[in-house]
């Protein structure tokens, strides 16, 4: 669980400090991986490792879907404003 806490802190720092959309996405992925690791570790400590593995797989699938959506949105924004810097994108038009 210490490794999961370290991953969570590193991901939080990356989300706060990064301005590029892909950097922020990487931070969110670290946070989700720390949650998956915590699910697996907590379930193993409780003696039911299968529940933790199922929860970890669900978190991994959720992270993959989130990555696809965010990368698609980042590409669409990049095509419109020619930057992926989150601070420079002021408004989104449909």
Foldseek 3Di string as FASTA:
>chain_A
DVVLVVLLVVLVVQLVPAQFLVSVLVSVVSNLQSVLVVLQVVCVVVVRNVRSNVVSVVSVVVSVVVVVVSVVVQVVVCVVPVGRGNVPDDDDDD
